[in-house]
Protein backbone atom coordinates (compact mmCIF):
# COMPACT_ATOMS: atom_id res chain seq x y z
CA MET A 1 -18.42 -14.17 -13.85
CA GLY A 2 -15.62 -13.15 -16.21
CA PRO A 3 -12.78 -10.79 -15.46
CA ILE A 4 -13.68 -7.13 -15.47
CA ALA A 5 -11.56 -4.88 -17.61
CA GLY A 6 -9.20 -2.65 -15.70
CA PRO A 7 -6.80 0.01 -16.88
CA ARG A 8 -4.48 -0.87 -19.71
CA PRO A 9 -0.77 -0.83 -18.91
CA GLU A 10 1.12 2.03 -20.43
CA GLU A 11 4.55 1.31 -21.88
CA ASP A 12 7.43 3.54 -20.88
CA SER A 13 11.15 3.25 -21.21
CA ALA A 14 11.35 0.92 -18.28
CA GLY A 15 8.40 -1.36 -18.91
CA PRO A 16 4.65 -1.53 -18.61
CA ARG A 17 2.90 0.86 -16.25
CA SER A 18 -0.61 1.69 -15.22
CA GLU A 19 -1.14 5.44 -15.28
CA SER A 20 -4.36 5.13 -13.29
CA LEU A 21 -2.53 3.39 -10.43
CA ASP A 22 0.24 5.98 -10.62
CA ALA A 23 -2.38 8.71 -10.38
CA LEU A 24 -4.01 7.06 -7.35
CA ARG A 25 -0.66 6.89 -5.59
CA GLY A 26 -0.02 10.48 -6.59
CA LEU A 27 -3.32 11.48 -5.02
CA ALA A 28 -2.38 9.60 -1.86
CA ILE A 29 1.08 11.16 -1.46
CA SER A 30 -0.32 14.62 -2.26
CA ALA A 31 -2.81 14.24 0.59
CA VAL A 32 -0.12 13.10 3.04
CA ILE A 33 2.24 15.96 2.16
CA ALA A 34 -0.64 18.45 2.35
CA ARG A 35 -1.32 17.16 5.87
CA HIS A 36 2.24 17.58 7.08
CA TYR A 37 3.16 20.71 5.14
CA PHE A 38 -0.10 22.66 5.17
CA GLU A 39 -2.15 21.00 7.96
CA PHE A 40 -4.77 19.65 5.56
CA LYS A 41 -7.32 18.09 7.90
CA TYR A 42 -8.05 14.98 5.87
CA GLY A 43 -4.55 14.32 4.64
CA MET A 44 -4.14 11.06 6.53
CA LEU A 45 -6.73 9.54 4.21
CA GLY A 46 -3.80 9.38 1.82
CA VAL A 47 -2.27 6.64 3.97
CA ASP A 48 -5.52 4.68 3.85
CA LEU A 49 -5.54 5.04 0.07
CA PHE A 50 -1.92 3.86 -0.09
CA PHE A 51 -2.82 0.66 1.74
CA VAL A 52 -5.79 -0.14 -0.49
CA VAL A 53 -3.80 0.58 -3.66
CA SER A 54 -0.94 -1.54 -2.34
CA GLY A 55 -3.26 -4.45 -1.61
CA PHE A 56 -4.76 -4.17 -5.09
CA LEU A 57 -1.42 -3.92 -6.88
CA ILE A 58 0.57 -6.49 -4.91
CA GLY A 59 -2.39 -8.85 -4.77
CA GLY A 60 -2.78 -8.61 -8.53
CA ILE A 61 0.91 -9.29 -9.15
CA LEU A 62 0.84 -12.37 -6.92
CA LEU A 63 -2.44 -13.69 -8.33
CA ASP A 64 -1.11 -13.48 -11.86
CA SER A 65 2.26 -15.07 -11.09
CA ARG A 66 1.41 -17.82 -8.63
CA GLU A 67 1.64 -20.57 -11.28
CA GLN A 68 5.03 -19.31 -12.43
CA ARG A 69 8.40 -20.66 -11.43
CA GLY A 70 10.34 -18.43 -9.08
CA TYR A 71 7.12 -17.12 -7.52
CA PHE A 72 8.66 -16.31 -4.15
CA SER A 73 12.16 -15.36 -5.28
CA SER A 74 10.85 -13.04 -7.98
CA PHE A 75 8.43 -11.29 -5.66
CA TYR A 76 10.78 -10.83 -2.72
CA GLY A 77 13.75 -9.99 -4.92
CA ARG A 78 11.88 -7.21 -6.69
CA ARG A 79 10.40 -5.91 -3.45
CA ALA A 80 13.82 -5.81 -1.80
CA PHE A 81 15.37 -3.76 -4.60
CA ARG A 82 12.34 -1.45 -4.61
CA ILE A 83 12.08 -0.80 -0.88
CA LEU A 84 15.34 -1.39 0.95
CA PRO A 85 17.86 0.99 -0.69
CA LEU A 86 15.92 4.20 0.01
CA TYR A 87 14.76 2.89 3.38
CA TRP A 88 18.34 2.20 4.45
CA LEU A 89 19.29 5.66 3.21
CA LEU A 90 16.56 7.16 5.40
CA LEU A 91 17.87 5.28 8.45
CA LEU A 92 21.42 6.37 7.65
CA ILE A 93 20.44 10.04 7.41
CA ALA A 94 17.98 10.20 10.30
CA THR A 95 19.67 7.65 12.66
CA PRO A 96 16.65 6.87 14.86
CA ASP A 97 16.79 5.44 18.37
CA HIS A 98 16.35 1.64 18.52
CA TRP A 99 17.93 1.44 15.08
CA GLY A 100 18.01 -2.35 15.12
CA TYR A 101 14.24 -2.58 15.39
CA TYR A 102 13.86 -0.31 12.38
CA LEU A 103 16.22 -2.49 10.36
CA PHE A 104 13.82 -5.43 10.65
CA PHE A 105 10.63 -3.33 10.45
CA LEU A 106 9.84 -3.95 14.13
CA GLN A 107 9.82 -0.31 15.19
CA ALA A 108 6.38 -0.71 16.76
CA VAL A 109 7.97 -2.74 19.58
CA PRO A 110 9.91 0.16 21.19
CA TRP A 111 7.19 2.60 20.15
CA LEU A 112 4.57 0.74 22.17
CA GLN A 113 6.93 0.75 25.15
CA PHE A 114 8.39 4.25 24.98
CA GLY A 115 5.86 6.21 22.93
CA TYR A 116 5.43 7.11 19.30
CA PRO A 117 8.03 9.60 17.93
CA MET A 118 5.54 11.38 15.68
CA THR A 119 7.77 14.40 15.08
CA GLU A 120 10.80 12.40 13.93
CA PRO A 121 11.43 11.94 10.19
CA THR A 122 11.64 8.17 10.56
CA PHE A 123 8.12 7.95 11.96
CA VAL A 124 6.82 7.64 8.40
CA SER A 125 8.35 4.15 8.37
CA TRP A 126 5.38 2.79 10.33
CA THR A 127 3.57 2.25 7.04
CA LEU A 128 6.55 0.36 5.63
CA ALA A 129 6.57 -1.91 8.67
CA ILE A 130 2.92 -2.77 8.06
CA GLU A 131 3.59 -3.34 4.36
CA GLU A 132 6.55 -5.65 5.03
CA GLN A 133 4.55 -7.71 7.51
CA PHE A 134 1.78 -7.88 4.91
CA TYR A 135 4.33 -9.14 2.35
CA LEU A 136 5.20 -12.03 4.67
CA ILE A 137 1.58 -13.18 4.81
CA LEU A 138 0.01 -12.58 1.42
CA PRO A 139 2.38 -14.47 -0.93
CA LEU A 140 2.01 -17.63 1.15
CA LEU A 141 -1.79 -17.33 1.25
CA ILE A 142 -2.09 -16.85 -2.50
CA TRP A 143 0.37 -19.62 -3.29
CA SER A 144 -1.08 -22.23 -0.93
CA LEU A 145 -4.85 -21.72 -1.09
CA PRO A 146 -7.30 -22.49 -3.91
CA ARG A 147 -9.19 -19.40 -4.87
CA GLU A 148 -12.38 -20.26 -2.96
CA TRP A 149 -10.47 -20.60 0.31
CA LEU A 150 -8.29 -17.62 -0.50
CA VAL A 151 -11.35 -15.41 -0.83
CA ARG A 152 -12.74 -16.73 2.46
CA VAL A 153 -9.49 -16.07 4.32
CA LEU A 154 -9.25 -12.57 2.88
CA TRP A 155 -12.79 -11.76 3.97
CA CYS A 156 -12.02 -13.14 7.44
CA GLY A 157 -9.12 -10.68 7.64
CA VAL A 158 -11.35 -7.80 6.57
CA LEU A 159 -13.99 -8.71 9.17
CA ILE A 160 -11.45 -9.31 11.95
CA ALA A 161 -9.94 -5.83 11.54
CA PRO A 162 -12.72 -3.91 13.38
CA VAL A 163 -12.62 -6.48 16.19
CA CYS A 164 -8.87 -5.91 16.53
CA ARG A 165 -9.50 -2.17 16.66
CA TRP A 166 -12.01 -2.64 19.48
CA LEU A 167 -9.65 -4.86 21.49
CA PHE A 168 -6.60 -2.64 21.02
CA HIS A 169 -8.61 0.50 21.74
CA ALA A 170 -9.45 -0.84 25.19
CA HIS A 171 -5.74 -1.02 26.07
CA LEU A 172 -4.26 1.70 23.83
CA PRO A 173 -6.68 4.63 24.07
CA ASP A 174 -4.22 7.02 22.40
CA LEU A 175 -5.03 5.46 18.99
CA SER A 176 -1.49 4.13 18.64
CA TRP A 177 -3.09 0.85 17.58
CA GLU A 178 -3.75 2.48 14.21
CA PHE A 179 -0.08 1.84 13.43
CA LEU A 180 -0.40 -1.96 13.76
CA LEU A 181 -1.10 -4.45 10.97
CA PRO A 182 -4.14 -6.23 12.49
CA CYS A 183 -6.04 -2.94 12.62
CA ARG A 184 -5.33 -2.24 8.94
CA LEU A 185 -6.27 -5.61 7.47
CA ASP A 186 -9.53 -4.33 6.01
CA GLU A 187 -7.59 -1.82 3.91
CA LEU A 188 -4.87 -4.20 2.71
CA PHE A 189 -7.00 -7.31 2.26
CA GLY A 190 -9.76 -5.13 0.84
CA GLY A 191 -7.36 -4.08 -1.91
CA VAL A 192 -6.48 -7.73 -2.58
CA LEU A 193 -10.18 -8.56 -2.82
CA LEU A 194 -10.57 -5.82 -5.41
CA ALA A 195 -7.80 -7.52 -7.39
CA CYS A 196 -9.69 -10.80 -7.03
CA PHE A 197 -12.89 -9.12 -8.16
CA VAL A 198 -11.49 -7.79 -11.42
CA ARG A 199 -10.15 -11.29 -12.14
CA GLY A 200 -13.59 -12.88 -11.90
CA TYR A 201 -13.31 -14.41 -8.42
CA CYS A 202 -16.61 -12.93 -7.24
CA ARG A 203 -19.73 -15.07 -7.62
CA SER A 204 -22.08 -12.68 -5.85
CA PRO A 205 -21.28 -8.94 -6.08
CA LEU A 206 -24.17 -8.17 -3.74
CA VAL A 207 -22.74 -10.38 -0.98
CA TRP A 208 -19.28 -8.86 -1.44
CA THR A 209 -20.71 -5.35 -1.20
CA ALA A 210 -22.59 -6.25 1.99
CA LEU A 211 -19.46 -7.75 3.55
CA ALA A 212 -17.45 -4.66 2.61
CA CYS A 213 -19.87 -2.53 4.63
CA VAL A 214 -19.43 -4.57 7.83
CA PRO A 215 -16.19 -2.93 9.14
CA MET A 216 -17.68 0.50 8.51
CA LEU A 217 -20.86 -0.38 10.42
CA CYS A 218 -18.84 -1.94 13.25
CA ASP A 219 -16.78 1.22 13.75
CA LEU A 220 -19.91 3.39 13.69
CA THR A 221 -21.62 1.12 16.22
CA TYR A 222 -18.62 1.20 18.55
CA ALA A 223 -18.41 4.99 18.33
CA ALA A 224 -22.13 5.36 19.05
CA ALA A 225 -21.93 3.06 22.07
CA PHE A 226 -18.62 4.06 23.65
CA GLY A 227 -17.72 7.51 22.36
CA PRO A 228 -15.04 8.88 19.99
CA PHE A 229 -13.39 6.22 17.89
CA SER A 230 -11.31 5.91 14.75
CA PHE A 231 -13.24 5.44 11.54
CA LEU A 232 -10.77 3.31 9.61
CA GLY A 233 -13.63 1.12 8.43
CA ILE A 234 -15.24 4.08 6.69
CA SER A 235 -11.88 5.14 5.25
CA ALA A 236 -11.23 1.64 3.94
CA PHE A 237 -14.61 1.51 2.22
CA ALA A 238 -14.24 5.00 0.74
CA CYS A 239 -10.72 4.27 -0.53
CA GLY A 240 -11.92 1.02 -2.04
CA VAL A 241 -14.53 2.98 -4.00
CA ILE A 242 -11.85 5.47 -5.10
CA VAL A 243 -9.55 2.68 -6.31
CA TRP A 244 -12.43 0.95 -8.10
CA ALA A 245 -13.36 4.20 -9.82
CA GLY A 246 -9.73 4.99 -10.64
CA ILE A 247 -8.95 1.67 -12.32
CA ASN A 248 -12.07 1.91 -14.47
CA VAL A 249 -11.53 5.47 -15.64
CA GLN A 250 -9.57 6.07 -18.82
CA LYS A 251 -6.91 8.77 -18.96
CA THR A 252 -8.39 12.15 -18.10
CA VAL A 253 -7.11 15.64 -17.51
CA LEU A 254 -7.97 15.23 -13.82
CA LEU A 255 -5.61 12.26 -13.41
CA LYS A 256 -2.59 13.68 -15.23
CA PRO A 257 -1.35 16.06 -12.48
CA PHE A 258 -1.04 13.11 -10.08
CA ILE A 259 0.95 10.79 -12.35
CA TRP A 260 4.30 12.51 -11.71
CA PRO A 261 4.09 12.39 -7.87
CA GLY A 262 2.63 8.89 -8.12
CA ARG A 263 5.72 7.54 -9.84
CA ARG A 264 7.98 9.26 -7.32
CA CYS A 265 5.77 8.74 -4.28
CA TYR A 266 8.24 6.53 -2.41
CA ALA A 267 11.02 9.13 -2.18
CA LEU A 268 8.47 11.89 -1.60
CA TYR A 269 7.03 9.94 1.30
CA LEU A 270 10.30 8.90 2.92
CA PHE A 271 12.06 12.26 2.78
CA HIS A 272 9.37 14.92 2.97
CA LEU A 273 9.55 15.16 6.78
CA ILE A 274 13.35 15.42 6.76
CA VAL A 275 13.21 18.42 4.43
CA LEU A 276 10.34 20.01 6.37
CA ASN A 277 12.14 19.63 9.70
CA ILE A 278 15.20 21.40 8.32
CA PHE A 279 13.21 24.54 7.57
CA LEU A 280 11.24 24.32 10.80
CA SER A 281 14.54 24.22 12.70
CA LEU A 282 15.63 27.34 10.81
CA ASP A 283 12.56 29.19 12.11
CA PHE A 284 10.80 29.60 8.78
CA GLY A 285 7.55 28.92 10.61
CA ALA A 286 4.43 28.75 8.44
CA TRP A 287 6.55 29.22 5.31
CA SER A 288 8.43 25.97 5.92
CA GLY A 289 6.06 23.76 3.95
CA LEU A 290 5.92 26.11 0.99
CA ILE A 291 9.73 26.29 0.80
CA ALA A 292 10.25 22.58 1.42
CA LEU A 293 7.81 21.40 -1.26
CA PRO A 294 9.84 22.22 -4.41
CA ILE A 295 13.02 20.98 -2.76
CA VAL A 296 11.59 17.59 -1.86
CA CYS A 297 10.18 17.32 -5.40
CA VAL A 298 13.65 17.90 -6.86
CA LEU A 299 15.14 15.31 -4.49
CA ALA A 300 12.43 12.83 -5.47
CA GLU A 301 13.18 13.35 -9.16
CA ILE A 302 16.90 12.80 -8.57
CA SER A 303 16.14 9.69 -6.53
CA TRP A 304 13.85 8.34 -9.24
CA ARG A 305 16.37 8.83 -12.05
CA ALA A 306 19.57 7.94 -10.21
CA ILE A 307 18.50 5.24 -7.74
CA GLU A 308 14.98 3.88 -8.04
CA SER A 309 14.48 3.49 -11.78
CA PRO A 310 17.86 1.78 -12.42
CA LEU A 311 17.32 -0.60 -9.50
CA ILE A 312 13.79 -1.44 -10.64
CA ASP A 313 15.07 -2.21 -14.13
CA TYR A 314 17.88 -4.36 -12.74
CA ALA A 315 15.49 -6.28 -10.48
CA LYS A 316 13.13 -6.94 -13.39
CA ARG A 317 16.00 -8.50 -15.34
CA ARG A 318 17.52 -10.32 -12.38
CA PHE A 319 14.24 -11.74 -11.11
CA ALA A 320 12.36 -12.26 -14.36
CA ARG A 321 9.26 -14.36 -13.89
CA VAL A 322 9.35 -17.67 -15.77
CA ARG A 323 6.09 -19.19 -16.89
CA PRO A 324 5.61 -22.86 -16.02
CA VAL A 325 6.22 -25.55 -18.63
CA ALA A 326 2.93 -26.57 -20.24
CA ARG A 327 1.56 -29.84 -18.88
CA PRO A 328 -0.57 -32.41 -20.72
CA ALA A 329 -4.26 -31.61 -20.67
CA CYS A 330 -5.02 -34.66 -18.53
CA CYS A 331 -2.71 -33.34 -15.79
CA ARG A 332 -4.00 -29.82 -15.67
CA CYS A 333 -5.90 -28.59 -12.68
CA ASP A 334 -8.58 -25.96 -13.13
CA THR A 335 -8.80 -24.84 -9.51
CA ARG A 336 -6.85 -21.68 -10.25
CA LYS A 337 -7.50 -19.32 -13.11
CA PRO A 338 -4.87 -16.63 -13.47
CA ALA A 339 -6.07 -13.70 -15.52
CA ASN A 340 -4.42 -10.74 -17.11
CA ALA A 341 -3.95 -7.88 -14.72
CA GLU A 342 -2.36 -4.53 -14.34
CA ALA A 343 1.39 -4.39 -14.67
CA SER A 344 2.91 -1.53 -12.78
CA ARG A 345 6.29 -0.76 -11.37
CA ALA A 346 5.35 -0.70 -7.71
């Protein structure tokens, strides 16, 4: 099965982009902000969408670069310049308790012991902790495994996720286990499998579709047998469908409003609770979200122009990917078939 066409990268002043992926991230951050600012009931689905998009994007980048020299240094160098500066700025401004754990993305350790600080601005960093742990696993898997075994391991992660949710739920009934990596593997690895799919790794679409339904059915079965339960399996499946639809849709009027927040989603996500809490502390009440929204948008634009975009451009130059030197035909191995994929400034 050949690679399936995805969205074409769009060139901008700083390099190739995918507007469809930007729009998907914009949709995700819009849902999260709507949840926190305006109590939108289904806003947390934005986090699920973030994870699937991240798996798809990061998985695609790694799949396409795994034969290149500087595979690890390029990936981790670019990720560090993308993530750490604003994250450190958040920690400097908000100064959370157990600061050292936050520094190494281990904030779940004190949280499990002392409780989850859901009202603190730094609580949003739980998703970053999961992402960073994911970044430690995925590059090694993609680099070390031939594609048949890679696909098997990814599917094992997807199928293990509902089992982890069952086990954690028995000991953490407050749903705090939703903030741990093992319980989110179906979303992250599901996104990577989508990246594999568009690159022609799938031999049986019917089997893949059936496997994708398993976490959803497991969560429904558990809920029917034991009572209220999280439906992350359903969310993962639904977000996978959304990402699949998004990457196969050409530019439309419906996508355009989400491109701007999608490109600035990182600053919007990190700082939207800080701005909201300021106005809540000033007793603006129900008006807090409405007043905070334009302010956080302005801050995100400043961050994008002054901090993020220059650092992304620098990292792309500093950690440029170098293609391997061509080998004689008799020495080539055909076990891996990198394909063209989406380029996007993550």
